[in-house]
């Protein structure tokens, strides 16, 4: 539902924030 999507987006934003700098070499990247 719309409410469910909004909740999903909240967790998505946290997930993206955590993974935006995560790669095999642990180097900073966007």
ModelCIF file with pLDDT and N, C-alpha, C, O atoms, coordinates in Angstrom:
data_MODEL
#
_entry.id   MODEL 
#
_entity.id                         1 
_entity.type                       polymer 
_entity.pdbx_number_of_molecules   1 
#
_entity_poly.entity_id                      1 
_entity_poly.type                           'polypeptide(L)' 
_entity_poly.nstd_linkage                   no 
_entity_poly.nstd_monomer                   no 
_entity_poly.pdbx_seq_one_letter_code       
;(UNK)(UNK)(UNK)(UNK)(UNK)(UNK)(UNK)(UNK)(UNK)(UNK)(UNK)(UNK)(UNK)(UNK)(UNK)(UNK)
(UNK)(UNK)(UNK)(UNK)(UNK)(UNK)(UNK)(UNK)(UNK)(UNK)(UNK)(UNK)(UNK)(UNK)
;
_entity_poly.pdbx_seq_one_letter_code_can   XXXXXXXXXXXXXXXXXXXXXXXXXXXXXX 
_entity_poly.pdbx_strand_id                 A 
#
loop_
_entity_poly_seq.entity_id 
_entity_poly_seq.num 
_entity_poly_seq.mon_id 
_entity_poly_seq.hetero 
1 1  UNK n 
1 2  UNK n 
1 3  UNK n 
1 4  UNK n 
1 5  UNK n 
1 6  UNK n 
1 7  UNK n 
1 8  UNK n 
1 9  UNK n 
1 10 UNK n 
1 11 UNK n 
1 12 UNK n 
1 13 UNK n 
1 14 UNK n 
1 15 UNK n 
1 16 UNK n 
1 17 UNK n 
1 18 UNK n 
1 19 UNK n 
1 20 UNK n 
1 21 UNK n 
1 22 UNK n 
1 23 UNK n 
1 24 UNK n 
1 25 UNK n 
1 26 UNK n 
1 27 UNK n 
1 28 UNK n 
1 29 UNK n 
1 30 UNK n 
#
_struct_asym.id          A 
_struct_asym.entity_id   1 
#
loop_
_ma_qa_metric.id 
_ma_qa_metric.mode 
_ma_qa_metric.name 
_ma_qa_metric.software_group_id 
_ma_qa_metric.type 
1 global pLDDT . pLDDT 
2 local  pLDDT . pLDDT 
#
_ma_qa_metric_global.metric_id      1 
_ma_qa_metric_global.metric_value   46.40 
_ma_qa_metric_global.model_id       1 
_ma_qa_metric_global.ordinal_id     1 
#
loop_
_ma_qa_metric_local.label_asym_id 
_ma_qa_metric_local.label_comp_id 
_ma_qa_metric_local.label_seq_id 
_ma_qa_metric_local.metric_id 
_ma_qa_metric_local.metric_value 
_ma_qa_metric_local.model_id 
_ma_qa_metric_local.ordinal_id 
A UNK 1  2 57.00 1 1  
A UNK 2  2 52.00 1 2  
A UNK 3  2 52.00 1 3  
A UNK 4  2 58.00 1 4  
A UNK 5  2 56.00 1 5  
A UNK 6  2 52.00 1 6  
A UNK 7  2 51.00 1 7  
A UNK 8  2 54.00 1 8  
A UNK 9  2 53.00 1 9  
A UNK 10 2 46.00 1 10 
A UNK 11 2 49.00 1 11 
A UNK 12 2 51.00 1 12 
A UNK 13 2 47.00 1 13 
A UNK 14 2 42.00 1 14 
A UNK 15 2 45.00 1 15 
A UNK 16 2 44.00 1 16 
A UNK 17 2 41.00 1 17 
A UNK 18 2 42.00 1 18 
A UNK 19 2 43.00 1 19 
A UNK 20 2 41.00 1 20 
A UNK 21 2 40.00 1 21 
A UNK 22 2 42.00 1 22 
A UNK 23 2 42.00 1 23 
A UNK 24 2 41.00 1 24 
A UNK 25 2 43.00 1 25 
A UNK 26 2 42.00 1 26 
A UNK 27 2 40.00 1 27 
A UNK 28 2 40.00 1 28 
A UNK 29 2 42.00 1 29 
A UNK 30 2 44.00 1 30 
#
loop_
_atom_site.group_PDB 
_atom_site.id 
_atom_site.type_symbol 
_atom_site.label_atom_id 
_atom_site.label_alt_id 
_atom_site.label_comp_id 
_atom_site.label_asym_id 
_atom_site.label_entity_id 
_atom_site.label_seq_id 
_atom_site.pdbx_PDB_ins_code 
_atom_site.Cartn_x 
_atom_site.Cartn_y 
_atom_site.Cartn_z 
_atom_site.occupancy 
_atom_site.B_iso_or_equiv 
_atom_site.pdbx_formal_charge 
_atom_site.auth_seq_id 
_atom_site.auth_comp_id 
_atom_site.auth_asym_id 
_atom_site.auth_atom_id 
_atom_site.pdbx_PDB_model_num 
ATOM 1   N N  . UNK A 1 1  ? 0.853  -1.185 0.000  1.00 57.00 ? 1  UNK A N  1 
ATOM 2   C CA . UNK A 1 1  ? 0.000  0.000  0.000  1.00 57.00 ? 1  UNK A CA 1 
ATOM 3   C C  . UNK A 1 1  ? 0.887  1.232  0.000  1.00 57.00 ? 1  UNK A C  1 
ATOM 4   O O  . UNK A 1 1  ? 2.104  1.123  0.141  1.00 57.00 ? 1  UNK A O  1 
ATOM 5   N N  . UNK A 1 2  ? 0.275  2.424  -0.160 1.00 52.00 ? 2  UNK A N  1 
ATOM 6   C CA . UNK A 1 2  ? 1.047  3.660  -0.126 1.00 52.00 ? 2  UNK A CA 1 
ATOM 7   C C  . UNK A 1 2  ? 1.788  3.784  1.205  1.00 52.00 ? 2  UNK A C  1 
ATOM 8   O O  . UNK A 1 2  ? 2.970  4.126  1.237  1.00 52.00 ? 2  UNK A O  1 
ATOM 9   N N  . UNK A 1 3  ? 1.084  3.504  2.301  1.00 52.00 ? 3  UNK A N  1 
ATOM 10  C CA . UNK A 1 3  ? 1.739  3.608  3.609  1.00 52.00 ? 3  UNK A CA 1 
ATOM 11  C C  . UNK A 1 3  ? 2.910  2.640  3.696  1.00 52.00 ? 3  UNK A C  1 
ATOM 12  O O  . UNK A 1 3  ? 3.974  2.976  4.214  1.00 52.00 ? 3  UNK A O  1 
ATOM 13  N N  . UNK A 1 4  ? 2.697  1.435  3.182  1.00 58.00 ? 4  UNK A N  1 
ATOM 14  C CA . UNK A 1 4  ? 3.763  0.439  3.199  1.00 58.00 ? 4  UNK A CA 1 
ATOM 15  C C  . UNK A 1 4  ? 4.950  0.868  2.361  1.00 58.00 ? 4  UNK A C  1 
ATOM 16  O O  . UNK A 1 4  ? 6.100  0.638  2.734  1.00 58.00 ? 4  UNK A O  1 
ATOM 17  N N  . UNK A 1 5  ? 4.665  1.498  1.218  1.00 56.00 ? 5  UNK A N  1 
ATOM 18  C CA . UNK A 1 5  ? 5.753  1.972  0.355  1.00 56.00 ? 5  UNK A CA 1 
ATOM 19  C C  . UNK A 1 5  ? 6.569  3.049  1.058  1.00 56.00 ? 5  UNK A C  1 
ATOM 20  O O  . UNK A 1 5  ? 7.797  3.065  0.978  1.00 56.00 ? 5  UNK A O  1 
ATOM 21  N N  . UNK A 1 6  ? 5.868  3.953  1.752  1.00 52.00 ? 6  UNK A N  1 
ATOM 22  C CA . UNK A 1 6  ? 6.571  5.037  2.439  1.00 52.00 ? 6  UNK A CA 1 
ATOM 23  C C  . UNK A 1 6  ? 7.486  4.455  3.518  1.00 52.00 ? 6  UNK A C  1 
ATOM 24  O O  . UNK A 1 6  ? 8.622  4.902  3.676  1.00 52.00 ? 6  UNK A O  1 
ATOM 25  N N  . UNK A 1 7  ? 6.991  3.452  4.263  1.00 51.00 ? 7  UNK A N  1 
ATOM 26  C CA . UNK A 1 7  ? 7.824  2.801  5.283  1.00 51.00 ? 7  UNK A CA 1 
ATOM 27  C C  . UNK A 1 7  ? 9.020  2.124  4.620  1.00 51.00 ? 7  UNK A C  1 
ATOM 28  O O  . UNK A 1 7  ? 10.146 2.199  5.113  1.00 51.00 ? 7  UNK A O  1 
ATOM 29  N N  . UNK A 1 8  ? 8.753  1.458  3.486  1.00 54.00 ? 8  UNK A N  1 
ATOM 30  C CA . UNK A 1 8  ? 9.834  0.794  2.760  1.00 54.00 ? 8  UNK A CA 1 
ATOM 31  C C  . UNK A 1 8  ? 10.875 1.803  2.300  1.00 54.00 ? 8  UNK A C  1 
ATOM 32  O O  . UNK A 1 8  ? 12.074 1.530  2.338  1.00 54.00 ? 8  UNK A O  1 
ATOM 33  N N  . UNK A 1 9  ? 10.411 2.968  1.866  1.00 53.00 ? 9  UNK A N  1 
ATOM 34  C CA . UNK A 1 9  ? 11.344 3.999  1.411  1.00 53.00 ? 9  UNK A CA 1 
ATOM 35  C C  . UNK A 1 9  ? 12.220 4.506  2.555  1.00 53.00 ? 9  UNK A C  1 
ATOM 36  O O  . UNK A 1 9  ? 13.391 4.826  2.355  1.00 53.00 ? 9  UNK A O  1 
ATOM 37  N N  . UNK A 1 10 ? 11.640 4.575  3.756  1.00 46.00 ? 10 UNK A N  1 
ATOM 38  C CA . UNK A 1 10 ? 12.424 5.005  4.906  1.00 46.00 ? 10 UNK A CA 1 
ATOM 39  C C  . UNK A 1 10 ? 13.586 4.054  5.139  1.00 46.00 ? 10 UNK A C  1 
ATOM 40  O O  . UNK A 1 10 ? 14.727 4.482  5.314  1.00 46.00 ? 10 UNK A O  1 
ATOM 41  N N  . UNK A 1 11 ? 13.283 2.742  5.142  1.00 49.00 ? 11 UNK A N  1 
ATOM 42  C CA . UNK A 1 11 ? 14.345 1.769  5.349  1.00 49.00 ? 11 UNK A CA 1 
ATOM 43  C C  . UNK A 1 11 ? 15.293 1.720  4.162  1.00 49.00 ? 11 UNK A C  1 
ATOM 44  O O  . UNK A 1 11 ? 16.483 1.441  4.309  1.00 49.00 ? 11 UNK A O  1 
ATOM 45  N N  . UNK A 1 12 ? 14.741 2.000  2.971  1.00 51.00 ? 12 UNK A N  1 
ATOM 46  C CA . UNK A 1 12 ? 15.582 2.046  1.777  1.00 51.00 ? 12 UNK A CA 1 
ATOM 47  C C  . UNK A 1 12 ? 16.617 3.155  1.904  1.00 51.00 ? 12 UNK A C  1 
ATOM 48  O O  . UNK A 1 12 ? 17.779 2.971  1.543  1.00 51.00 ? 12 UNK A O  1 
ATOM 49  N N  . UNK A 1 13 ? 16.187 4.323  2.425  1.00 47.00 ? 13 UNK A N  1 
ATOM 50  C CA . UNK A 1 13 ? 17.108 5.444  2.561  1.00 47.00 ? 13 UNK A CA 1 
ATOM 51  C C  . UNK A 1 13 ? 18.230 5.104  3.536  1.00 47.00 ? 13 UNK A C  1 
ATOM 52  O O  . UNK A 1 13 ? 19.383 5.475  3.316  1.00 47.00 ? 13 UNK A O  1 
ATOM 53  N N  . UNK A 1 14 ? 17.885 4.385  4.634  1.00 42.00 ? 14 UNK A N  1 
ATOM 54  C CA . UNK A 1 14 ? 18.913 3.960  5.579  1.00 42.00 ? 14 UNK A CA 1 
ATOM 55  C C  . UNK A 1 14 ? 19.857 2.958  4.932  1.00 42.00 ? 14 UNK A C  1 
ATOM 56  O O  . UNK A 1 14 ? 21.071 3.024  5.123  1.00 42.00 ? 14 UNK A O  1 
ATOM 57  N N  . UNK A 1 15 ? 19.286 2.019  4.158  1.00 45.00 ? 15 UNK A N  1 
ATOM 58  C CA . UNK A 1 15 ? 20.068 0.990  3.486  1.00 45.00 ? 15 UNK A CA 1 
ATOM 59  C C  . UNK A 1 15 ? 21.043 1.621  2.498  1.00 45.00 ? 15 UNK A C  1 
ATOM 60  O O  . UNK A 1 15 ? 22.216 1.255  2.437  1.00 45.00 ? 15 UNK A O  1 
ATOM 61  N N  . UNK A 1 16 ? 20.524 2.589  1.716  1.00 44.00 ? 16 UNK A N  1 
ATOM 62  C CA . UNK A 1 16 ? 21.382 3.248  0.743  1.00 44.00 ? 16 UNK A CA 1 
ATOM 63  C C  . UNK A 1 16 ? 22.501 4.021  1.431  1.00 44.00 ? 16 UNK A C  1 
ATOM 64  O O  . UNK A 1 16 ? 23.632 4.053  0.947  1.00 44.00 ? 16 UNK A O  1 
ATOM 65  N N  . UNK A 1 17 ? 22.180 4.642  2.558  1.00 41.00 ? 17 UNK A N  1 
ATOM 66  C CA . UNK A 1 17 ? 23.196 5.401  3.271  1.00 41.00 ? 17 UNK A CA 1 
ATOM 67  C C  . UNK A 1 17 ? 24.307 4.497  3.779  1.00 41.00 ? 17 UNK A C  1 
ATOM 68  O O  . UNK A 1 17 ? 25.476 4.883  3.803  1.00 41.00 ? 17 UNK A O  1 
ATOM 69  N N  . UNK A 1 18 ? 23.930 3.287  4.185  1.00 42.00 ? 18 UNK A N  1 
ATOM 70  C CA . UNK A 1 18 ? 24.912 2.345  4.705  1.00 42.00 ? 18 UNK A CA 1 
ATOM 71  C C  . UNK A 1 18 ? 25.749 1.696  3.610  1.00 42.00 ? 18 UNK A C  1 
ATOM 72  O O  . UNK A 1 18 ? 26.913 1.361  3.828  1.00 42.00 ? 18 UNK A O  1 
ATOM 73  N N  . UNK A 1 19 ? 25.152 1.519  2.428  1.00 43.00 ? 19 UNK A N  1 
ATOM 74  C CA . UNK A 1 19 ? 25.852 0.797  1.364  1.00 43.00 ? 19 UNK A CA 1 
ATOM 75  C C  . UNK A 1 19 ? 26.545 1.704  0.371  1.00 43.00 ? 19 UNK A C  1 
ATOM 76  O O  . UNK A 1 19 ? 27.314 1.224  -0.462 1.00 43.00 ? 19 UNK A O  1 
ATOM 77  N N  . UNK A 1 20 ? 26.289 3.030  0.435  1.00 41.00 ? 20 UNK A N  1 
ATOM 78  C CA . UNK A 1 20 ? 26.853 3.942  -0.561 1.00 41.00 ? 20 UNK A CA 1 
ATOM 79  C C  . UNK A 1 20 ? 28.373 3.957  -0.552 1.00 41.00 ? 20 UNK A C  1 
ATOM 80  O O  . UNK A 1 20 ? 28.995 4.264  -1.569 1.00 41.00 ? 20 UNK A O  1 
ATOM 81  N N  . UNK A 1 21 ? 28.982 3.626  0.595  1.00 40.00 ? 21 UNK A N  1 
ATOM 82  C CA . UNK A 1 21 ? 30.449 3.659  0.685  1.00 40.00 ? 21 UNK A CA 1 
ATOM 83  C C  . UNK A 1 21 ? 31.034 2.272  0.902  1.00 40.00 ? 21 UNK A C  1 
ATOM 84  O O  . UNK A 1 21 ? 32.149 2.141  1.407  1.00 40.00 ? 21 UNK A O  1 
ATOM 85  N N  . UNK A 1 22 ? 30.295 1.237  0.526  1.00 42.00 ? 22 UNK A N  1 
ATOM 86  C CA . UNK A 1 22 ? 30.727 -0.116 0.799  1.00 42.00 ? 22 UNK A CA 1 
ATOM 87  C C  . UNK A 1 22 ? 31.087 -0.836 -0.483 1.00 42.00 ? 22 UNK A C  1 
ATOM 88  O O  . UNK A 1 22 ? 30.208 -1.146 -1.287 1.00 42.00 ? 22 UNK A O  1 
ATOM 89  N N  . UNK A 1 23 ? 32.395 -1.114 -0.689 1.00 42.00 ? 23 UNK A N  1 
ATOM 90  C CA . UNK A 1 23 ? 32.782 -1.962 -1.805 1.00 42.00 ? 23 UNK A CA 1 
ATOM 91  C C  . UNK A 1 23 ? 33.858 -2.908 -1.347 1.00 42.00 ? 23 UNK A C  1 
ATOM 92  O O  . UNK A 1 23 ? 34.199 -2.930 -0.164 1.00 42.00 ? 23 UNK A O  1 
ATOM 93  N N  . UNK A 1 24 ? 34.411 -3.703 -2.269 1.00 41.00 ? 24 UNK A N  1 
ATOM 94  C CA . UNK A 1 24 ? 35.329 -4.776 -1.896 1.00 41.00 ? 24 UNK A CA 1 
ATOM 95  C C  . UNK A 1 24 ? 36.580 -4.241 -1.200 1.00 41.00 ? 24 UNK A C  1 
ATOM 96  O O  . UNK A 1 24 ? 37.156 -4.919 -0.349 1.00 41.00 ? 24 UNK A O  1 
ATOM 97  N N  . UNK A 1 25 ? 36.998 -3.028 -1.559 1.00 43.00 ? 25 UNK A N  1 
ATOM 98  C CA . UNK A 1 25 ? 38.220 -2.467 -0.988 1.00 43.00 ? 25 UNK A CA 1 
ATOM 99  C C  . UNK A 1 25 ? 37.935 -1.513 0.165  1.00 43.00 ? 25 UNK A C  1 
ATOM 100 O O  . UNK A 1 25 ? 38.852 -0.899 0.711  1.00 43.00 ? 25 UNK A O  1 
ATOM 101 N N  . UNK A 1 26 ? 36.662 -1.389 0.533  1.00 42.00 ? 26 UNK A N  1 
ATOM 102 C CA . UNK A 1 26 ? 36.247 -0.478 1.586  1.00 42.00 ? 26 UNK A CA 1 
ATOM 103 C C  . UNK A 1 26 ? 36.657 0.964  1.294  1.00 42.00 ? 26 UNK A C  1 
ATOM 104 O O  . UNK A 1 26 ? 36.829 1.758  2.219  1.00 42.00 ? 26 UNK A O  1 
ATOM 105 N N  . UNK A 1 27 ? 36.814 1.306  0.021  1.00 40.00 ? 27 UNK A N  1 
ATOM 106 C CA . UNK A 1 27 ? 37.166 2.676  -0.363 1.00 40.00 ? 27 UNK A CA 1 
ATOM 107 C C  . UNK A 1 27 ? 35.893 3.518  -0.430 1.00 40.00 ? 27 UNK A C  1 
ATOM 108 O O  . UNK A 1 27 ? 34.809 3.006  -0.710 1.00 40.00 ? 27 UNK A O  1 
ATOM 109 N N  . UNK A 1 28 ? 36.040 4.802  -0.170 1.00 40.00 ? 28 UNK A N  1 
ATOM 110 C CA . UNK A 1 28 ? 34.885 5.683  -0.231 1.00 40.00 ? 28 UNK A CA 1 
ATOM 111 C C  . UNK A 1 28 ? 34.453 5.866  -1.676 1.00 40.00 ? 28 UNK A C  1 
ATOM 112 O O  . UNK A 1 28 ? 35.282 6.158  -2.539 1.00 40.00 ? 28 UNK A O  1 
ATOM 113 N N  . UNK A 1 29 ? 33.183 5.700  -1.946 1.00 42.00 ? 29 UNK A N  1 
ATOM 114 C CA . UNK A 1 29 ? 32.649 5.911  -3.287 1.00 42.00 ? 29 UNK A CA 1 
ATOM 115 C C  . UNK A 1 29 ? 31.181 6.282  -3.161 1.00 42.00 ? 29 UNK A C  1 
ATOM 116 O O  . UNK A 1 29 ? 30.566 6.043  -2.122 1.00 42.00 ? 29 UNK A O  1 
ATOM 117 N N  . UNK A 1 30 ? 30.622 6.856  -4.197 1.00 44.00 ? 30 UNK A N  1 
ATOM 118 C CA . UNK A 1 30 ? 29.206 7.180  -4.249 1.00 44.00 ? 30 UNK A CA 1 
ATOM 119 C C  . UNK A 1 30 ? 28.541 6.229  -5.218 1.00 44.00 ? 30 UNK A C  1 
ATOM 120 O O  . UNK A 1 30 ? 27.331 6.309  -5.430 1.00 44.00 ? 30 UNK A O  1 
#
